[in-house]
Every structure is written in C-alpha cells, then in structure tokens.
C-alpha cells in the first residue's frame, strides 16, 4: 500500500479523467527512463496488465477492510492503470462512455 493522499477535495470526475487521459496520451513521446507512464505504454504489455490485476486486488482488500480512505486511494491507482491500458490499446474515453451509455438503455 502506498502512502495515503492528504487533504483530498471532491472534484469533477469527467474533467479529471479527460485531463488525465490527455496527459497519458502525451507520454508516448516521453523517455521510458524518466516516465513511469512511458514505461507502461512502451514496455511489455504483461507489466501493465499485471499492474491492473494488482491494483484491482488492492481495491478488493481495502473494501474487505472497510477502509474508506484506502478504498479511494487504491481505486485511484486502479483507474490510472486502467486509463493507461485504454491509451495503450487505443480505446478513447468517448468510446468507453458510449459503451457504458449503451448498457444503460
């Protein structure tokens, strides 16, 4: 488990995801030696995919502990790594939104 984030304030999830997705997209040009995201985007897929599995397990464990702040922290890690997966495999947030919207009908 990482260090808990201090002084977390509510935000706009849509704006945050759009901003993060744009930042991740820009990491394709970054040096893998200097950027963790670039390493995940440009490295072997198994490294990234195993991080998604690891973070999902950590969300589950935080839920089992019924620890609100820990759930939020681990969910942030999971969402970040999932967004890196989407970027790596060319799935846009608009496509994801369309998928989710289609399921609500």
N, C-alpha and C. Protein backbone atom coordinates (compact mmCIF):
# COMPACT_ATOMS: atom_id res chain seq x y z
N UNK A 1 0.84 -1.18 0.00
CA UNK A 1 0.00 0.00 0.00
C UNK A 1 0.88 1.24 0.00
N UNK A 2 0.48 2.20 -0.80
CA UNK A 2 1.20 3.47 -0.84
C UNK A 2 0.79 4.36 0.31
N UNK A 3 1.41 5.49 0.36
CA UNK A 3 1.11 6.47 1.39
C UNK A 3 -0.22 7.14 1.06
N UNK A 4 -1.06 7.31 2.05
CA UNK A 4 -2.37 7.92 1.83
C UNK A 4 -2.22 9.36 1.36
N UNK A 5 -3.13 9.78 0.50
CA UNK A 5 -3.14 11.15 0.00
C UNK A 5 -3.80 12.05 1.02
N UNK A 6 -3.12 13.14 1.36
CA UNK A 6 -3.65 14.08 2.35
C UNK A 6 -4.51 15.15 1.69
N UNK A 7 -5.47 15.66 2.45
CA UNK A 7 -6.28 16.81 2.04
C UNK A 7 -6.97 16.63 0.70
N UNK A 8 -7.58 15.49 0.47
CA UNK A 8 -8.29 15.23 -0.77
C UNK A 8 -9.59 16.01 -0.78
N UNK A 9 -9.83 16.74 -1.86
CA UNK A 9 -11.06 17.51 -2.05
C UNK A 9 -11.86 16.89 -3.19
N UNK A 10 -13.17 16.96 -3.12
CA UNK A 10 -14.00 16.47 -4.21
C UNK A 10 -13.67 17.22 -5.50
N UNK A 11 -13.84 16.54 -6.62
CA UNK A 11 -13.58 17.15 -7.92
C UNK A 11 -14.62 16.71 -8.94
N UNK A 12 -14.44 17.13 -10.18
CA UNK A 12 -15.32 16.76 -11.27
C UNK A 12 -14.67 15.58 -12.00
N UNK A 13 -15.27 14.41 -11.88
CA UNK A 13 -14.66 13.20 -12.42
C UNK A 13 -14.45 13.28 -13.93
N UNK A 14 -15.43 13.79 -14.65
CA UNK A 14 -15.30 13.89 -16.11
C UNK A 14 -14.11 14.75 -16.51
N UNK A 15 -13.99 15.91 -15.89
CA UNK A 15 -12.86 16.80 -16.20
C UNK A 15 -11.54 16.15 -15.82
N UNK A 16 -11.51 15.50 -14.68
CA UNK A 16 -10.28 14.85 -14.22
C UNK A 16 -9.86 13.74 -15.17
N UNK A 17 -10.81 12.90 -15.59
CA UNK A 17 -10.49 11.81 -16.50
C UNK A 17 -10.01 12.34 -17.85
N UNK A 18 -10.67 13.38 -18.36
CA UNK A 18 -10.25 13.98 -19.63
C UNK A 18 -8.83 14.52 -19.54
N UNK A 19 -8.54 15.22 -18.46
CA UNK A 19 -7.21 15.79 -18.26
C UNK A 19 -6.15 14.70 -18.13
N UNK A 20 -6.45 13.69 -17.33
CA UNK A 20 -5.50 12.59 -17.15
C UNK A 20 -5.29 11.84 -18.46
N UNK A 21 -6.37 11.59 -19.21
CA UNK A 21 -6.24 10.88 -20.49
C UNK A 21 -5.36 11.66 -21.45
N UNK A 22 -5.51 12.99 -21.48
CA UNK A 22 -4.68 13.82 -22.35
C UNK A 22 -3.21 13.75 -21.91
N UNK A 23 -2.97 13.77 -20.61
CA UNK A 23 -1.60 13.67 -20.10
C UNK A 23 -1.00 12.32 -20.47
N UNK A 24 -1.75 11.25 -20.30
CA UNK A 24 -1.26 9.92 -20.64
C UNK A 24 -0.94 9.83 -22.13
N UNK A 25 -1.80 10.38 -22.96
CA UNK A 25 -1.56 10.37 -24.41
C UNK A 25 -0.23 11.04 -24.75
N UNK A 26 0.08 12.11 -24.05
CA UNK A 26 1.33 12.82 -24.28
C UNK A 26 2.56 12.06 -23.83
N UNK A 27 2.39 11.04 -23.03
CA UNK A 27 3.54 10.29 -22.52
C UNK A 27 4.14 9.33 -23.55
N UNK A 28 3.48 9.13 -24.70
CA UNK A 28 4.05 8.28 -25.74
C UNK A 28 5.41 8.82 -26.18
N UNK A 29 5.58 10.14 -26.13
CA UNK A 29 6.83 10.76 -26.58
C UNK A 29 7.86 10.91 -25.46
N UNK A 30 7.49 10.54 -24.25
CA UNK A 30 8.39 10.70 -23.11
C UNK A 30 9.41 9.56 -23.07
N UNK A 31 10.48 9.81 -22.39
CA UNK A 31 11.51 8.80 -22.21
C UNK A 31 11.06 7.78 -21.17
N UNK A 32 11.12 6.50 -21.49
CA UNK A 32 10.77 5.47 -20.51
C UNK A 32 11.67 5.51 -19.27
N UNK A 33 12.87 6.02 -19.43
CA UNK A 33 13.77 6.12 -18.28
C UNK A 33 13.32 7.21 -17.31
N UNK A 34 12.56 8.18 -17.81
CA UNK A 34 12.14 9.31 -16.99
C UNK A 34 10.66 9.29 -16.62
N UNK A 35 9.86 8.46 -17.28
CA UNK A 35 8.42 8.48 -17.06
C UNK A 35 7.89 7.07 -16.83
N UNK A 36 7.28 6.87 -15.67
CA UNK A 36 6.65 5.58 -15.36
C UNK A 36 5.57 5.26 -16.39
N UNK A 37 4.77 6.26 -16.74
CA UNK A 37 3.71 6.05 -17.72
C UNK A 37 4.29 5.63 -19.06
N UNK A 38 5.36 6.28 -19.50
CA UNK A 38 6.00 5.90 -20.77
C UNK A 38 6.49 4.46 -20.71
N UNK A 39 7.03 4.05 -19.58
CA UNK A 39 7.47 2.65 -19.44
C UNK A 39 6.29 1.70 -19.61
N UNK A 40 5.14 2.05 -19.03
CA UNK A 40 3.96 1.19 -19.15
C UNK A 40 3.43 1.18 -20.58
N UNK A 41 3.44 2.33 -21.25
CA UNK A 41 2.92 2.41 -22.61
C UNK A 41 3.83 1.71 -23.61
N UNK A 42 5.13 1.85 -23.42
CA UNK A 42 6.09 1.38 -24.40
C UNK A 42 6.71 0.02 -24.08
N UNK A 43 6.53 -0.43 -22.85
CA UNK A 43 7.15 -1.68 -22.42
C UNK A 43 6.32 -2.91 -22.79
N UNK A 44 6.71 -4.00 -22.22
CA UNK A 44 5.97 -5.25 -22.47
C UNK A 44 4.57 -5.14 -21.88
N UNK A 45 3.56 -5.61 -22.61
CA UNK A 45 2.18 -5.50 -22.14
C UNK A 45 1.94 -6.18 -20.79
N UNK A 46 2.63 -7.29 -20.54
CA UNK A 46 2.39 -8.03 -19.30
C UNK A 46 2.64 -7.19 -18.05
N UNK A 47 3.60 -6.27 -18.11
CA UNK A 47 3.89 -5.41 -16.96
C UNK A 47 2.67 -4.55 -16.63
N UNK A 48 2.10 -3.92 -17.64
CA UNK A 48 0.92 -3.07 -17.45
C UNK A 48 -0.28 -3.90 -17.02
N UNK A 49 -0.50 -5.00 -17.69
CA UNK A 49 -1.68 -5.82 -17.38
C UNK A 49 -1.61 -6.41 -15.98
N UNK A 50 -0.41 -6.77 -15.54
CA UNK A 50 -0.28 -7.28 -14.18
C UNK A 50 -0.50 -6.18 -13.15
N UNK A 51 -0.17 -4.92 -13.50
CA UNK A 51 -0.44 -3.81 -12.59
C UNK A 51 -1.94 -3.61 -12.42
N UNK A 52 -2.71 -3.77 -13.48
CA UNK A 52 -4.17 -3.65 -13.38
C UNK A 52 -4.70 -4.72 -12.43
N UNK A 53 -4.23 -5.93 -12.59
CA UNK A 53 -4.68 -7.02 -11.72
C UNK A 53 -4.28 -6.75 -10.27
N UNK A 54 -3.05 -6.30 -10.07
CA UNK A 54 -2.57 -5.99 -8.72
C UNK A 54 -3.41 -4.90 -8.06
N UNK A 55 -3.67 -3.84 -8.80
CA UNK A 55 -4.44 -2.72 -8.24
C UNK A 55 -5.89 -3.14 -7.97
N UNK A 56 -6.46 -3.97 -8.83
CA UNK A 56 -7.83 -4.46 -8.58
C UNK A 56 -7.87 -5.27 -7.29
N UNK A 57 -6.87 -6.10 -7.08
CA UNK A 57 -6.80 -6.89 -5.84
C UNK A 57 -6.66 -5.98 -4.62
N UNK A 58 -5.91 -4.89 -4.77
CA UNK A 58 -5.74 -3.97 -3.64
C UNK A 58 -7.04 -3.23 -3.33
N UNK A 59 -7.83 -2.93 -4.35
CA UNK A 59 -9.16 -2.33 -4.10
C UNK A 59 -10.01 -3.33 -3.32
N UNK A 60 -9.98 -4.58 -3.73
CA UNK A 60 -10.76 -5.61 -3.05
C UNK A 60 -10.36 -5.72 -1.58
N UNK A 61 -9.06 -5.74 -1.32
CA UNK A 61 -8.60 -5.86 0.06
C UNK A 61 -8.98 -4.63 0.89
N UNK A 62 -8.91 -3.45 0.30
CA UNK A 62 -9.31 -2.23 1.02
C UNK A 62 -10.80 -2.29 1.34
N UNK A 63 -11.60 -2.82 0.42
CA UNK A 63 -13.04 -2.97 0.67
C UNK A 63 -13.29 -3.97 1.79
N UNK A 64 -12.54 -5.06 1.78
CA UNK A 64 -12.69 -6.06 2.85
C UNK A 64 -12.36 -5.45 4.21
N UNK A 65 -11.42 -4.49 4.22
CA UNK A 65 -11.07 -3.79 5.47
C UNK A 65 -12.05 -2.69 5.81
N UNK A 66 -12.98 -2.40 4.88
CA UNK A 66 -13.98 -1.34 5.05
C UNK A 66 -13.30 -0.01 5.43
N UNK A 67 -12.22 0.31 4.69
CA UNK A 67 -11.41 1.50 4.95
C UNK A 67 -11.64 2.50 3.82
N UNK A 68 -12.50 3.46 4.06
CA UNK A 68 -12.93 4.42 3.05
C UNK A 68 -11.76 5.10 2.35
N UNK A 69 -10.82 5.67 3.11
CA UNK A 69 -9.70 6.38 2.51
C UNK A 69 -8.80 5.45 1.71
N UNK A 70 -8.62 4.24 2.20
CA UNK A 70 -7.79 3.27 1.49
C UNK A 70 -8.48 2.83 0.20
N UNK A 71 -9.79 2.65 0.23
CA UNK A 71 -10.55 2.30 -0.98
C UNK A 71 -10.35 3.38 -2.03
N UNK A 72 -10.52 4.64 -1.62
CA UNK A 72 -10.37 5.77 -2.54
C UNK A 72 -8.96 5.78 -3.14
N UNK A 73 -7.96 5.59 -2.30
CA UNK A 73 -6.56 5.61 -2.74
C UNK A 73 -6.30 4.50 -3.76
N UNK A 74 -6.70 3.29 -3.44
CA UNK A 74 -6.45 2.15 -4.33
C UNK A 74 -7.29 2.26 -5.60
N UNK A 75 -8.51 2.78 -5.50
CA UNK A 75 -9.32 2.99 -6.69
C UNK A 75 -8.65 3.99 -7.63
N UNK A 76 -8.00 5.00 -7.07
CA UNK A 76 -7.24 5.94 -7.89
C UNK A 76 -6.13 5.24 -8.66
N UNK A 77 -5.41 4.35 -7.99
CA UNK A 77 -4.36 3.57 -8.67
C UNK A 77 -4.95 2.71 -9.78
N UNK A 78 -6.08 2.06 -9.49
CA UNK A 78 -6.71 1.19 -10.47
C UNK A 78 -7.19 1.98 -11.69
N UNK A 79 -7.83 3.11 -11.46
CA UNK A 79 -8.33 3.92 -12.57
C UNK A 79 -7.16 4.43 -13.42
N UNK A 80 -6.09 4.90 -12.77
CA UNK A 80 -4.91 5.35 -13.51
C UNK A 80 -4.40 4.23 -14.43
N UNK A 81 -4.19 3.05 -13.87
CA UNK A 81 -3.64 1.95 -14.68
C UNK A 81 -4.63 1.51 -15.75
N UNK A 82 -5.92 1.55 -15.47
CA UNK A 82 -6.92 1.22 -16.49
C UNK A 82 -6.87 2.25 -17.62
N UNK A 83 -6.71 3.53 -17.29
CA UNK A 83 -6.60 4.54 -18.34
C UNK A 83 -5.34 4.35 -19.19
N UNK A 84 -4.27 3.89 -18.57
CA UNK A 84 -3.06 3.59 -19.34
C UNK A 84 -3.35 2.42 -20.29
N UNK A 85 -4.07 1.41 -19.83
CA UNK A 85 -4.46 0.29 -20.71
C UNK A 85 -5.28 0.82 -21.89
N UNK A 86 -6.26 1.64 -21.61
CA UNK A 86 -7.10 2.18 -22.69
C UNK A 86 -6.25 2.95 -23.70
N UNK A 87 -5.33 3.77 -23.20
CA UNK A 87 -4.45 4.53 -24.09
C UNK A 87 -3.57 3.59 -24.91
N UNK A 88 -3.00 2.63 -24.27
CA UNK A 88 -2.10 1.70 -24.98
C UNK A 88 -2.82 0.97 -26.10
N UNK A 89 -4.08 0.61 -25.86
CA UNK A 89 -4.81 -0.19 -26.84
C UNK A 89 -5.77 0.64 -27.69
N UNK A 90 -5.67 1.97 -27.58
CA UNK A 90 -6.41 2.86 -28.48
C UNK A 90 -7.89 2.99 -28.22
N UNK A 91 -8.32 2.77 -27.00
CA UNK A 91 -9.73 2.95 -26.64
C UNK A 91 -9.87 4.34 -26.00
N UNK A 92 -10.69 5.19 -26.62
CA UNK A 92 -10.85 6.55 -26.11
C UNK A 92 -11.88 6.60 -24.99
N UNK A 93 -11.84 7.69 -24.23
CA UNK A 93 -12.85 7.88 -23.19
C UNK A 93 -14.23 8.01 -23.80
N UNK A 94 -14.33 8.64 -24.97
CA UNK A 94 -15.62 8.76 -25.64
C UNK A 94 -16.18 7.39 -26.01
N UNK A 95 -15.30 6.49 -26.47
CA UNK A 95 -15.74 5.12 -26.77
C UNK A 95 -16.21 4.41 -25.51
N UNK A 96 -15.45 4.58 -24.44
CA UNK A 96 -15.83 3.97 -23.17
C UNK A 96 -17.17 4.51 -22.70
N UNK A 97 -17.36 5.83 -22.81
CA UNK A 97 -18.64 6.43 -22.43
C UNK A 97 -19.77 5.86 -23.28
N UNK A 98 -19.52 5.69 -24.57
CA UNK A 98 -20.54 5.11 -25.44
C UNK A 98 -20.90 3.69 -25.03
N UNK A 99 -19.88 2.92 -24.66
CA UNK A 99 -20.13 1.55 -24.18
C UNK A 99 -21.00 1.57 -22.94
N UNK A 100 -20.65 2.42 -21.99
CA UNK A 100 -21.42 2.50 -20.74
C UNK A 100 -22.83 3.03 -20.98
N UNK A 101 -22.94 4.02 -21.85
CA UNK A 101 -24.26 4.57 -22.18
C UNK A 101 -25.15 3.52 -22.82
N UNK A 102 -24.59 2.71 -23.72
CA UNK A 102 -25.36 1.67 -24.39
C UNK A 102 -25.89 0.65 -23.40
N UNK A 103 -25.19 0.44 -22.32
CA UNK A 103 -25.61 -0.54 -21.30
C UNK A 103 -26.73 -0.01 -20.43
N UNK A 104 -26.91 1.30 -20.41
CA UNK A 104 -27.95 1.88 -19.54
C UNK A 104 -29.31 1.93 -20.22
N UNK A 105 -29.39 1.51 -21.44
CA UNK A 105 -30.66 1.58 -22.18
C UNK A 105 -31.55 0.43 -21.85
